[in-house]
Amino acid sequence: MIAEAAYFHAEQRGFAPGGEVEDWLAAEEEVDALLAHSNGMRQ
């Protein structure tokens, strides 16, 4: 999930070099939030 989200971040910035770490970290935050929201709905 993180890799796919990071890919979309990179795509949005035109795959310009130098933003890979930021893409990955943003993707981690998105996936974490998604999973936290999903877990909250199950309880």
N, C-alpha and C. Protein backbone atom coordinates (compact mmCIF):
# COMPACT_ATOMS: atom_id res chain seq x y z
N MET A 1 0.82 -1.20 0.00
CA MET A 1 0.00 0.00 0.00
C MET A 1 0.87 1.26 0.00
N ILE A 2 1.93 1.22 0.79
CA ILE A 2 2.80 2.39 0.88
C ILE A 2 3.51 2.64 -0.45
N ALA A 3 4.01 1.58 -1.04
CA ALA A 3 4.72 1.73 -2.32
C ALA A 3 3.81 2.31 -3.39
N GLU A 4 2.58 1.86 -3.43
CA GLU A 4 1.64 2.36 -4.43
C GLU A 4 1.33 3.83 -4.18
N ALA A 5 1.10 4.19 -2.93
CA ALA A 5 0.82 5.59 -2.61
C ALA A 5 2.03 6.47 -2.92
N ALA A 6 3.23 5.98 -2.62
CA ALA A 6 4.45 6.74 -2.92
C ALA A 6 4.59 6.94 -4.43
N TYR A 7 4.25 5.94 -5.19
CA TYR A 7 4.29 6.06 -6.66
C TYR A 7 3.39 7.19 -7.12
N PHE A 8 2.18 7.26 -6.57
CA PHE A 8 1.25 8.31 -6.98
C PHE A 8 1.76 9.69 -6.58
N HIS A 9 2.42 9.78 -5.44
CA HIS A 9 3.04 11.06 -5.06
C HIS A 9 4.11 11.45 -6.08
N ALA A 10 4.95 10.50 -6.44
CA ALA A 10 6.00 10.77 -7.42
C ALA A 10 5.40 11.17 -8.77
N GLU A 11 4.35 10.51 -9.13
CA GLU A 11 3.67 10.82 -10.39
C GLU A 11 3.14 12.25 -10.37
N GLN A 12 2.57 12.65 -9.25
CA GLN A 12 2.01 14.00 -9.14
C GLN A 12 3.08 15.08 -9.29
N ARG A 13 4.31 14.79 -8.91
CA ARG A 13 5.38 15.78 -9.04
C ARG A 13 6.21 15.54 -10.29
N GLY A 14 5.70 14.72 -11.21
CA GLY A 14 6.34 14.50 -12.49
C GLY A 14 7.58 13.64 -12.43
N PHE A 15 7.69 12.80 -11.41
CA PHE A 15 8.82 11.89 -11.23
C PHE A 15 10.17 12.62 -11.18
N ALA A 16 10.14 13.88 -10.78
CA ALA A 16 11.39 14.64 -10.66
C ALA A 16 12.25 14.01 -9.58
N PRO A 17 13.55 13.89 -9.82
CA PRO A 17 14.42 13.28 -8.81
C PRO A 17 14.55 14.16 -7.57
N GLY A 18 14.81 13.51 -6.45
CA GLY A 18 15.08 14.23 -5.22
C GLY A 18 13.94 14.26 -4.22
N GLY A 19 12.78 13.77 -4.56
CA GLY A 19 11.67 13.81 -3.64
C GLY A 19 11.21 12.44 -3.18
N GLU A 20 12.02 11.44 -3.41
CA GLU A 20 11.60 10.07 -3.14
C GLU A 20 11.32 9.83 -1.66
N VAL A 21 12.18 10.35 -0.79
CA VAL A 21 11.99 10.14 0.65
C VAL A 21 10.70 10.83 1.11
N GLU A 22 10.49 12.04 0.64
CA GLU A 22 9.27 12.76 1.01
C GLU A 22 8.03 12.03 0.51
N ASP A 23 8.11 11.49 -0.71
CA ASP A 23 6.99 10.71 -1.25
C ASP A 23 6.68 9.52 -0.34
N TRP A 24 7.74 8.82 0.06
CA TRP A 24 7.57 7.63 0.89
C TRP A 24 6.98 7.99 2.25
N LEU A 25 7.52 9.04 2.87
CA LEU A 25 7.04 9.43 4.20
C LEU A 25 5.59 9.90 4.15
N ALA A 26 5.23 10.63 3.12
CA ALA A 26 3.84 11.07 2.97
C ALA A 26 2.93 9.86 2.77
N ALA A 27 3.40 8.90 1.99
CA ALA A 27 2.61 7.69 1.76
C ALA A 27 2.43 6.90 3.05
N GLU A 28 3.49 6.81 3.87
CA GLU A 28 3.36 6.12 5.16
C GLU A 28 2.30 6.78 6.02
N GLU A 29 2.31 8.11 6.07
CA GLU A 29 1.32 8.83 6.87
C GLU A 29 -0.09 8.56 6.37
N GLU A 30 -0.27 8.57 5.06
CA GLU A 30 -1.60 8.31 4.49
C GLU A 30 -2.09 6.91 4.83
N VAL A 31 -1.22 5.92 4.67
CA VAL A 31 -1.61 4.54 4.94
C VAL A 31 -1.87 4.36 6.43
N ASP A 32 -1.03 4.94 7.28
CA ASP A 32 -1.25 4.86 8.73
C ASP A 32 -2.61 5.44 9.09
N ALA A 33 -2.94 6.60 8.53
CA ALA A 33 -4.22 7.24 8.82
C ALA A 33 -5.38 6.39 8.31
N LEU A 34 -5.22 5.83 7.13
CA LEU A 34 -6.26 4.97 6.58
C LEU A 34 -6.50 3.75 7.46
N LEU A 35 -5.42 3.12 7.90
CA LEU A 35 -5.55 1.93 8.75
C LEU A 35 -6.09 2.29 10.12
N ALA A 36 -5.69 3.41 10.67
CA ALA A 36 -6.21 3.83 11.97
C ALA A 36 -7.71 4.10 11.87
N HIS A 37 -8.11 4.75 10.79
CA HIS A 37 -9.53 5.02 10.58
C HIS A 37 -10.30 3.72 10.40
N SER A 38 -9.73 2.81 9.64
CA SER A 38 -10.37 1.51 9.41
C SER A 38 -10.50 0.73 10.70
N ASN A 39 -9.46 0.73 11.52
CA ASN A 39 -9.51 0.01 12.80
C ASN A 39 -10.51 0.66 13.75
N GLY A 40 -10.65 1.96 13.71
CA GLY A 40 -11.61 2.65 14.55
C GLY A 40 -13.04 2.31 14.18
N MET A 41 -13.27 2.05 12.91
CA MET A 41 -14.62 1.73 12.45
C MET A 41 -15.01 0.30 12.83
N ARG A 42 -14.04 -0.56 13.04
CA ARG A 42 -14.33 -1.96 13.36
C ARG A 42 -14.70 -2.16 14.83
N GLN A 43 -14.27 -1.24 15.67
CA GLN A 43 -14.48 -1.44 17.11
C GLN A 43 -15.84 -1.05 17.56
